[in-house]
């Protein structure tokens, strides 16, 4: 049998329960809050000190910038090593269905579906046998918890 590091990593992992996902999401919100505050401050400055609610175009631009910033954090973290900062302490990882690193298109689709189905995408983990969320099903990804490394 031809074992690759990806396939052996996939076997050494199991689907992550919803609680682990929520812990990672909470931890990931910590670096996002200051980044979103800086983005908001930049748009406030660009709009002459007035809040963007007075200008629908600026409001959409700010929302789009924040969406892209958060998406970039998640997608490029997942692409780089399958993990965000919030996923590392709990050994969580996003992979393609075959256990290999997921591609950029799949990861952006995963993020988009998660944004369009907030709550529901995670609640789906409770009814799916393999604990996949709607965003995992749409993107062809899996969210796993890796086994702890054996201590020497």
N, C-alpha and C. Protein backbone atom coordinates (compact mmCIF):
# COMPACT_ATOMS: atom_id res chain seq x y z
N UNK A 1 0.84 -1.18 0.00
CA UNK A 1 0.00 0.00 0.00
C UNK A 1 0.88 1.24 0.00
N UNK A 2 0.46 2.24 -0.71
CA UNK A 2 1.25 3.45 -0.88
C UNK A 2 0.78 4.52 0.10
N UNK A 3 1.48 4.69 1.23
CA UNK A 3 1.11 5.69 2.23
C UNK A 3 1.78 7.01 1.94
N UNK A 4 0.98 8.07 1.94
CA UNK A 4 1.52 9.42 1.83
C UNK A 4 1.37 10.08 3.19
N UNK A 5 2.13 11.14 3.45
CA UNK A 5 1.96 11.83 4.73
C UNK A 5 0.53 12.31 4.93
N UNK A 6 -0.13 12.73 3.82
CA UNK A 6 -1.49 13.23 3.92
C UNK A 6 -2.45 12.12 4.35
N UNK A 7 -2.32 10.94 3.73
CA UNK A 7 -3.25 9.86 4.06
C UNK A 7 -3.02 9.35 5.47
N UNK A 8 -1.77 9.29 5.93
CA UNK A 8 -1.53 8.85 7.30
C UNK A 8 -1.99 9.92 8.29
N UNK A 9 -1.87 11.19 7.93
CA UNK A 9 -2.39 12.26 8.80
C UNK A 9 -3.90 12.16 8.89
N UNK A 10 -4.56 11.83 7.78
CA UNK A 10 -6.02 11.70 7.76
C UNK A 10 -6.45 10.55 8.67
N UNK A 11 -5.70 9.44 8.65
CA UNK A 11 -6.06 8.31 9.51
C UNK A 11 -5.80 8.63 10.98
N UNK A 12 -4.85 9.50 11.27
CA UNK A 12 -4.51 9.84 12.65
C UNK A 12 -5.39 10.98 13.16
N UNK A 13 -6.50 11.23 12.48
CA UNK A 13 -7.39 12.31 12.88
C UNK A 13 -8.82 11.77 12.91
N UNK A 14 -9.67 12.48 13.63
CA UNK A 14 -11.08 12.12 13.64
C UNK A 14 -11.88 13.41 13.49
N UNK A 15 -13.12 13.32 13.01
CA UNK A 15 -13.92 14.53 12.84
C UNK A 15 -14.03 15.31 14.15
N UNK A 16 -13.87 16.61 14.05
CA UNK A 16 -13.89 17.46 15.25
C UNK A 16 -15.33 17.75 15.68
N UNK A 17 -15.65 17.56 16.95
CA UNK A 17 -16.98 17.90 17.46
C UNK A 17 -17.22 19.42 17.42
N UNK A 18 -18.48 19.79 17.50
CA UNK A 18 -18.88 21.19 17.43
C UNK A 18 -18.21 22.04 18.51
N UNK A 19 -18.07 21.51 19.71
CA UNK A 19 -17.46 22.27 20.80
C UNK A 19 -16.05 22.74 20.48
N UNK A 20 -15.26 21.88 19.84
CA UNK A 20 -13.89 22.26 19.47
C UNK A 20 -13.92 23.36 18.42
N UNK A 21 -14.86 23.27 17.49
CA UNK A 21 -15.00 24.30 16.45
C UNK A 21 -15.32 25.65 17.09
N UNK A 22 -16.23 25.65 18.06
CA UNK A 22 -16.62 26.90 18.70
C UNK A 22 -15.47 27.49 19.53
N UNK A 23 -14.70 26.63 20.19
CA UNK A 23 -13.53 27.12 20.93
C UNK A 23 -12.53 27.79 19.99
N UNK A 24 -12.27 27.15 18.86
CA UNK A 24 -11.32 27.71 17.90
C UNK A 24 -11.84 29.02 17.34
N UNK A 25 -13.13 29.09 17.04
CA UNK A 25 -13.72 30.31 16.50
C UNK A 25 -13.63 31.45 17.52
N UNK A 26 -13.86 31.14 18.78
CA UNK A 26 -13.74 32.15 19.84
C UNK A 26 -12.30 32.66 19.92
N UNK A 27 -11.35 31.75 19.90
CA UNK A 27 -9.94 32.12 19.97
C UNK A 27 -9.53 32.94 18.75
N UNK A 28 -10.06 32.58 17.57
CA UNK A 28 -9.74 33.31 16.34
C UNK A 28 -10.33 34.71 16.33
N UNK A 29 -11.38 34.95 17.11
CA UNK A 29 -11.96 36.30 17.14
C UNK A 29 -11.03 37.30 17.82
N UNK A 30 -10.13 36.83 18.67
CA UNK A 30 -9.25 37.75 19.40
C UNK A 30 -8.34 38.57 18.49
N UNK A 31 -7.64 38.00 17.52
CA UNK A 31 -6.85 38.86 16.63
C UNK A 31 -7.71 39.61 15.61
N UNK A 32 -8.93 39.13 15.36
CA UNK A 32 -9.79 39.79 14.38
C UNK A 32 -10.34 41.12 14.90
N UNK A 33 -10.65 41.19 16.17
CA UNK A 33 -11.27 42.40 16.73
C UNK A 33 -10.40 43.64 16.49
N UNK A 34 -9.10 43.63 16.84
CA UNK A 34 -8.30 44.83 16.57
C UNK A 34 -8.14 45.13 15.08
N UNK A 35 -8.04 44.09 14.24
CA UNK A 35 -7.93 44.32 12.80
C UNK A 35 -9.19 44.99 12.25
N UNK A 36 -10.35 44.56 12.73
CA UNK A 36 -11.60 45.17 12.28
C UNK A 36 -11.74 46.60 12.82
N UNK A 37 -11.22 46.83 14.02
CA UNK A 37 -11.26 48.19 14.57
C UNK A 37 -10.37 49.13 13.75
N UNK A 38 -9.21 48.66 13.35
CA UNK A 38 -8.31 49.48 12.52
C UNK A 38 -8.95 49.75 11.16
N UNK A 39 -9.56 48.73 10.57
CA UNK A 39 -10.25 48.91 9.29
C UNK A 39 -11.35 49.95 9.42
N UNK A 40 -12.12 49.86 10.48
CA UNK A 40 -13.19 50.83 10.72
C UNK A 40 -12.63 52.24 10.91
N UNK A 41 -11.51 52.35 11.62
CA UNK A 41 -10.88 53.66 11.83
C UNK A 41 -10.39 54.25 10.51
N UNK A 42 -9.85 53.41 9.63
CA UNK A 42 -9.39 53.88 8.32
C UNK A 42 -10.57 54.42 7.52
N UNK A 43 -11.68 53.70 7.53
CA UNK A 43 -12.86 54.17 6.79
C UNK A 43 -13.44 55.43 7.42
N UNK A 44 -13.38 55.54 8.73
CA UNK A 44 -13.83 56.76 9.41
C UNK A 44 -12.97 57.94 8.97
N UNK A 45 -11.66 57.73 8.90
CA UNK A 45 -10.73 58.78 8.47
C UNK A 45 -10.98 59.14 7.00
N UNK A 46 -11.14 58.12 6.14
CA UNK A 46 -11.39 58.37 4.72
C UNK A 46 -12.70 59.11 4.48
N UNK A 47 -13.65 58.93 5.38
CA UNK A 47 -14.96 59.56 5.23
C UNK A 47 -15.03 60.89 5.99
N UNK A 48 -13.90 61.44 6.33
CA UNK A 48 -13.85 62.76 6.96
C UNK A 48 -14.35 62.79 8.39
N UNK A 49 -14.20 61.71 9.12
CA UNK A 49 -14.60 61.68 10.52
C UNK A 49 -16.07 61.38 10.73
N UNK A 50 -16.82 61.23 9.66
CA UNK A 50 -18.25 60.89 9.78
C UNK A 50 -18.39 59.38 9.65
N UNK A 51 -19.35 58.84 10.36
CA UNK A 51 -19.57 57.39 10.24
C UNK A 51 -20.08 57.06 8.85
N UNK A 52 -19.79 55.87 8.39
CA UNK A 52 -20.13 55.49 7.02
C UNK A 52 -21.63 55.26 6.84
N UNK A 53 -22.41 55.21 7.91
CA UNK A 53 -23.85 55.02 7.77
C UNK A 53 -24.50 56.14 6.99
N UNK A 54 -23.83 57.30 6.92
CA UNK A 54 -24.38 58.43 6.17
C UNK A 54 -24.13 58.30 4.67
N UNK A 55 -23.34 57.32 4.26
CA UNK A 55 -23.01 57.13 2.85
C UNK A 55 -23.08 55.64 2.52
N UNK A 56 -24.15 55.22 1.81
CA UNK A 56 -24.32 53.79 1.51
C UNK A 56 -23.15 53.17 0.75
N UNK A 57 -22.50 53.94 -0.12
CA UNK A 57 -21.37 53.40 -0.88
C UNK A 57 -20.21 53.07 0.07
N UNK A 58 -19.89 54.02 0.95
CA UNK A 58 -18.82 53.77 1.92
C UNK A 58 -19.18 52.63 2.87
N UNK A 59 -20.45 52.53 3.21
CA UNK A 59 -20.89 51.46 4.10
C UNK A 59 -20.64 50.09 3.44
N UNK A 60 -20.98 49.97 2.16
CA UNK A 60 -20.75 48.72 1.44
C UNK A 60 -19.25 48.44 1.28
N UNK A 61 -18.48 49.49 1.00
CA UNK A 61 -17.03 49.31 0.85
C UNK A 61 -16.39 48.84 2.16
N UNK A 62 -16.83 49.43 3.27
CA UNK A 62 -16.29 49.02 4.56
C UNK A 62 -16.66 47.57 4.88
N UNK A 63 -17.91 47.22 4.62
CA UNK A 63 -18.35 45.85 4.86
C UNK A 63 -17.57 44.87 3.99
N UNK A 64 -17.38 45.21 2.73
CA UNK A 64 -16.63 44.35 1.81
C UNK A 64 -15.17 44.22 2.26
N UNK A 65 -14.58 45.32 2.70
CA UNK A 65 -13.19 45.28 3.17
C UNK A 65 -13.06 44.39 4.41
N UNK A 66 -14.01 44.50 5.33
CA UNK A 66 -13.96 43.67 6.53
C UNK A 66 -14.17 42.20 6.19
N UNK A 67 -15.12 41.92 5.28
CA UNK A 67 -15.37 40.54 4.86
C UNK A 67 -14.12 39.95 4.22
N UNK A 68 -13.47 40.73 3.36
CA UNK A 68 -12.26 40.25 2.67
C UNK A 68 -11.10 40.06 3.66
N UNK A 69 -10.99 40.94 4.63
CA UNK A 69 -9.92 40.83 5.63
C UNK A 69 -10.08 39.56 6.47
N UNK A 70 -11.28 39.34 6.98
CA UNK A 70 -11.54 38.15 7.78
C UNK A 70 -11.38 36.89 6.92
N UNK A 71 -11.91 36.93 5.70
CA UNK A 71 -11.79 35.79 4.80
C UNK A 71 -10.34 35.47 4.48
N UNK A 72 -9.55 36.50 4.25
CA UNK A 72 -8.13 36.29 3.95
C UNK A 72 -7.41 35.64 5.12
N UNK A 73 -7.74 36.09 6.33
CA UNK A 73 -7.13 35.48 7.52
C UNK A 73 -7.42 33.97 7.56
N UNK A 74 -8.70 33.62 7.41
CA UNK A 74 -9.07 32.21 7.49
C UNK A 74 -8.51 31.41 6.31
N UNK A 75 -8.77 31.88 5.10
CA UNK A 75 -8.38 31.11 3.91
C UNK A 75 -6.87 30.91 3.83
N UNK A 76 -6.10 31.96 4.05
CA UNK A 76 -4.65 31.81 3.93
C UNK A 76 -4.05 31.04 5.10
N UNK A 77 -4.67 31.12 6.27
CA UNK A 77 -4.23 30.27 7.38
C UNK A 77 -4.51 28.80 7.07
N UNK A 78 -5.72 28.52 6.59
CA UNK A 78 -6.07 27.14 6.24
C UNK A 78 -5.17 26.62 5.13
N UNK A 79 -4.86 27.48 4.17
CA UNK A 79 -4.05 27.06 3.02
C UNK A 79 -2.60 26.81 3.44
N UNK A 80 -2.10 27.66 4.34
CA UNK A 80 -0.70 27.55 4.75
C UNK A 80 -0.42 26.28 5.52
N UNK A 81 -1.27 25.91 6.42
CA UNK A 81 -1.01 24.71 7.22
C UNK A 81 -2.26 23.99 7.66
N UNK A 82 -3.40 24.41 7.12
CA UNK A 82 -4.66 23.78 7.50
C UNK A 82 -5.21 24.28 8.81
N UNK A 83 -4.54 25.27 9.43
CA UNK A 83 -4.93 25.73 10.75
C UNK A 83 -4.85 27.24 10.88
N UNK A 84 -5.77 27.79 11.66
CA UNK A 84 -5.68 29.18 12.08
C UNK A 84 -5.02 29.19 13.46
N UNK A 85 -4.77 30.37 13.99
CA UNK A 85 -4.20 30.46 15.34
C UNK A 85 -5.10 29.79 16.37
N UNK A 86 -6.40 29.95 16.20
CA UNK A 86 -7.34 29.37 17.15
C UNK A 86 -7.47 27.86 17.06
N UNK A 87 -7.04 27.28 15.96
CA UNK A 87 -7.14 25.84 15.77
C UNK A 87 -5.91 25.09 16.29
N UNK A 88 -4.79 25.77 16.36
CA UNK A 88 -3.53 25.10 16.74
C UNK A 88 -3.54 24.50 18.15
N UNK A 89 -3.98 25.24 19.19
CA UNK A 89 -3.90 24.67 20.54
C UNK A 89 -4.71 23.38 20.70
N UNK A 90 -5.77 23.23 19.88
CA UNK A 90 -6.63 22.06 20.02
C UNK A 90 -6.42 21.06 18.89
N UNK A 91 -5.32 21.22 18.13
CA UNK A 91 -4.94 20.28 17.07
C UNK A 91 -6.05 20.07 16.05
N UNK A 92 -6.70 21.16 15.64
CA UNK A 92 -7.76 21.11 14.64
C UNK A 92 -7.18 21.46 13.29
N UNK A 93 -7.74 20.88 12.23
CA UNK A 93 -7.21 21.14 10.90
C UNK A 93 -8.31 20.99 9.85
N UNK A 94 -8.24 21.85 8.82
CA UNK A 94 -9.12 21.75 7.65
C UNK A 94 -8.33 21.09 6.54
N UNK A 95 -8.91 20.04 5.96
CA UNK A 95 -8.27 19.29 4.87
C UNK A 95 -9.28 19.06 3.76
N UNK A 96 -8.79 18.70 2.59
CA UNK A 96 -9.67 18.23 1.52
C UNK A 96 -10.19 16.85 1.93
N UNK A 97 -11.25 16.39 1.28
CA UNK A 97 -11.84 15.09 1.62
C UNK A 97 -10.83 13.94 1.59
N UNK A 98 -9.84 14.03 0.70
CA UNK A 98 -8.87 12.95 0.57
C UNK A 98 -7.71 13.05 1.56
N UNK A 99 -7.76 14.04 2.47
CA UNK A 99 -6.72 14.19 3.48
C UNK A 99 -5.58 15.09 3.07
N UNK A 100 -5.62 15.59 1.86
CA UNK A 100 -4.57 16.52 1.40
C UNK A 100 -4.96 17.95 1.77
N UNK A 101 -4.03 18.89 1.64
CA UNK A 101 -4.39 20.29 1.87
C UNK A 101 -5.46 20.73 0.87
N UNK A 102 -6.43 21.47 1.35
CA UNK A 102 -7.52 21.95 0.49
C UNK A 102 -7.01 23.09 -0.39
N UNK A 103 -7.57 23.22 -1.57
CA UNK A 103 -7.18 24.27 -2.51
C UNK A 103 -7.81 25.61 -2.18
N UNK A 104 -7.26 26.67 -2.76
CA UNK A 104 -7.76 28.02 -2.50
C UNK A 104 -9.23 28.18 -2.86
N UNK A 105 -9.64 27.68 -4.02
CA UNK A 105 -11.04 27.83 -4.45
C UNK A 105 -11.98 27.15 -3.45
N UNK A 106 -11.63 25.96 -3.01
CA UNK A 106 -12.46 25.24 -2.04
C UNK A 106 -12.52 25.99 -0.71
N UNK A 107 -11.41 26.58 -0.30
CA UNK A 107 -11.37 27.30 0.98
C UNK A 107 -12.18 28.59 0.92
N UNK A 108 -12.11 29.31 -0.21
CA UNK A 108 -12.94 30.51 -0.36
C UNK A 108 -14.42 30.13 -0.40
N UNK A 109 -14.75 29.02 -1.06
CA UNK A 109 -16.14 28.56 -1.09
C UNK A 109 -16.59 28.19 0.32
N UNK A 110 -15.74 27.54 1.07
CA UNK A 110 -16.05 27.18 2.46
C UNK A 110 -16.35 28.43 3.28
N UNK A 111 -15.53 29.45 3.12
CA UNK A 111 -15.74 30.70 3.86
C UNK A 111 -17.04 31.38 3.42
N UNK A 112 -17.30 31.42 2.12
CA UNK A 112 -18.51 32.07 1.60
C UNK A 112 -19.76 31.37 2.12
N UNK A 113 -19.81 30.06 2.05
CA UNK A 113 -20.98 29.31 2.53
C UNK A 113 -21.16 29.52 4.04
N UNK A 114 -20.06 29.55 4.79
CA UNK A 114 -20.15 29.79 6.23
C UNK A 114 -20.74 31.17 6.51
N UNK A 115 -20.38 32.17 5.70
CA UNK A 115 -20.91 33.52 5.89
C UNK A 115 -22.39 33.61 5.51
N UNK A 116 -22.79 32.85 4.49
CA UNK A 116 -24.17 32.90 4.02
C UNK A 116 -25.12 32.06 4.88
N UNK A 117 -24.58 31.14 5.65
CA UNK A 117 -25.42 30.28 6.50
C UNK A 117 -24.91 30.29 7.94
N UNK A 118 -24.82 31.48 8.55
CA UNK A 118 -24.25 31.52 9.90
C UNK A 118 -25.09 30.69 10.87
N UNK A 119 -24.42 29.97 11.71
CA UNK A 119 -25.11 29.13 12.67
C UNK A 119 -25.55 27.80 12.08
N UNK A 120 -26.28 27.87 10.98
CA UNK A 120 -26.77 26.65 10.33
C UNK A 120 -25.62 25.78 9.84
N UNK A 121 -24.57 26.43 9.31
CA UNK A 121 -23.44 25.64 8.80
C UNK A 121 -22.79 24.84 9.92
N UNK A 122 -22.74 25.40 11.12
CA UNK A 122 -22.15 24.67 12.25
C UNK A 122 -23.15 23.70 12.88
N UNK A 123 -24.42 24.09 12.94
CA UNK A 123 -25.43 23.20 13.51
C UNK A 123 -25.54 21.91 12.71
N UNK A 124 -25.23 21.98 11.42
CA UNK A 124 -25.28 20.79 10.58
C UNK A 124 -24.33 19.71 11.08
N UNK A 125 -23.27 20.11 11.78
CA UNK A 125 -22.31 19.15 12.34
C UNK A 125 -22.99 18.19 13.31
N UNK A 126 -24.07 18.63 13.91
CA UNK A 126 -24.76 17.81 14.90
C UNK A 126 -25.56 16.67 14.27
N UNK A 127 -25.93 16.81 12.99
CA UNK A 127 -26.73 15.78 12.34
C UNK A 127 -25.95 14.96 11.32
N UNK A 128 -24.81 15.44 10.89
CA UNK A 128 -24.00 14.71 9.91
C UNK A 128 -23.17 13.65 10.62
N UNK A 129 -23.16 12.44 10.08
CA UNK A 129 -22.42 11.34 10.72
C UNK A 129 -20.93 11.62 10.84
N UNK A 130 -20.37 12.32 9.86
CA UNK A 130 -18.94 12.62 9.88
C UNK A 130 -18.66 14.02 10.45
N UNK A 131 -19.67 14.61 11.08
CA UNK A 131 -19.57 15.93 11.73
C UNK A 131 -19.13 17.03 10.77
N UNK A 132 -19.56 16.95 9.52
CA UNK A 132 -19.25 18.00 8.55
C UNK A 132 -20.32 19.08 8.62
N UNK A 133 -19.87 20.32 8.49
CA UNK A 133 -20.80 21.43 8.40
C UNK A 133 -21.25 21.61 6.96
N UNK A 134 -22.27 22.45 6.75
CA UNK A 134 -22.72 22.72 5.38
C UNK A 134 -21.58 23.27 4.54
N UNK A 135 -20.76 24.11 5.15
CA UNK A 135 -19.64 24.68 4.41
C UNK A 135 -18.61 23.62 4.04
N UNK A 136 -18.44 22.61 4.88
CA UNK A 136 -17.54 21.50 4.55
C UNK A 136 -18.11 20.67 3.40
N UNK A 137 -19.41 20.42 3.44
CA UNK A 137 -20.05 19.65 2.37
C UNK A 137 -19.95 20.38 1.04
N UNK A 138 -20.21 21.69 1.05
CA UNK A 138 -20.18 22.47 -0.18
C UNK A 138 -18.78 22.54 -0.77
N UNK A 139 -17.78 22.66 0.09
CA UNK A 139 -16.40 22.86 -0.38
C UNK A 139 -15.61 21.56 -0.53
N UNK A 140 -16.18 20.45 -0.08
CA UNK A 140 -15.44 19.19 -0.15
C UNK A 140 -14.28 19.14 0.83
N UNK A 141 -14.50 19.73 2.01
CA UNK A 141 -13.45 19.74 3.04
C UNK A 141 -13.91 18.95 4.26
N UNK A 142 -12.96 18.65 5.11
CA UNK A 142 -13.26 18.03 6.40
C UNK A 142 -12.55 18.83 7.48
N UNK A 143 -13.12 18.82 8.66
CA UNK A 143 -12.57 19.54 9.81
C UNK A 143 -12.26 18.48 10.86
N UNK A 144 -10.99 18.27 11.14
CA UNK A 144 -10.59 17.15 11.99
C UNK A 144 -9.82 17.61 13.22
N UNK A 145 -9.79 16.73 14.19
CA UNK A 145 -8.94 16.92 15.36
C UNK A 145 -7.86 15.86 15.28
N UNK A 146 -6.61 16.32 15.21
CA UNK A 146 -5.47 15.42 15.09
C UNK A 146 -5.19 14.74 16.42
N UNK A 147 -4.70 13.53 16.34
CA UNK A 147 -4.30 12.80 17.55
C UNK A 147 -3.07 13.47 18.15
N UNK A 148 -2.96 13.42 19.46
CA UNK A 148 -1.79 13.98 20.13
C UNK A 148 -0.55 13.18 19.74
N UNK A 149 0.54 13.88 19.57
CA UNK A 149 1.81 13.22 19.23
C UNK A 149 2.26 12.37 20.41
N UNK A 150 2.79 11.21 20.10
CA UNK A 150 3.29 10.32 21.16
C UNK A 150 4.53 10.94 21.79
N UNK A 151 4.58 10.91 23.11
CA UNK A 151 5.74 11.47 23.82
C UNK A 151 6.85 10.44 23.86
N UNK A 152 8.06 10.91 23.60
CA UNK A 152 9.21 9.98 23.57
C UNK A 152 9.79 9.77 24.93
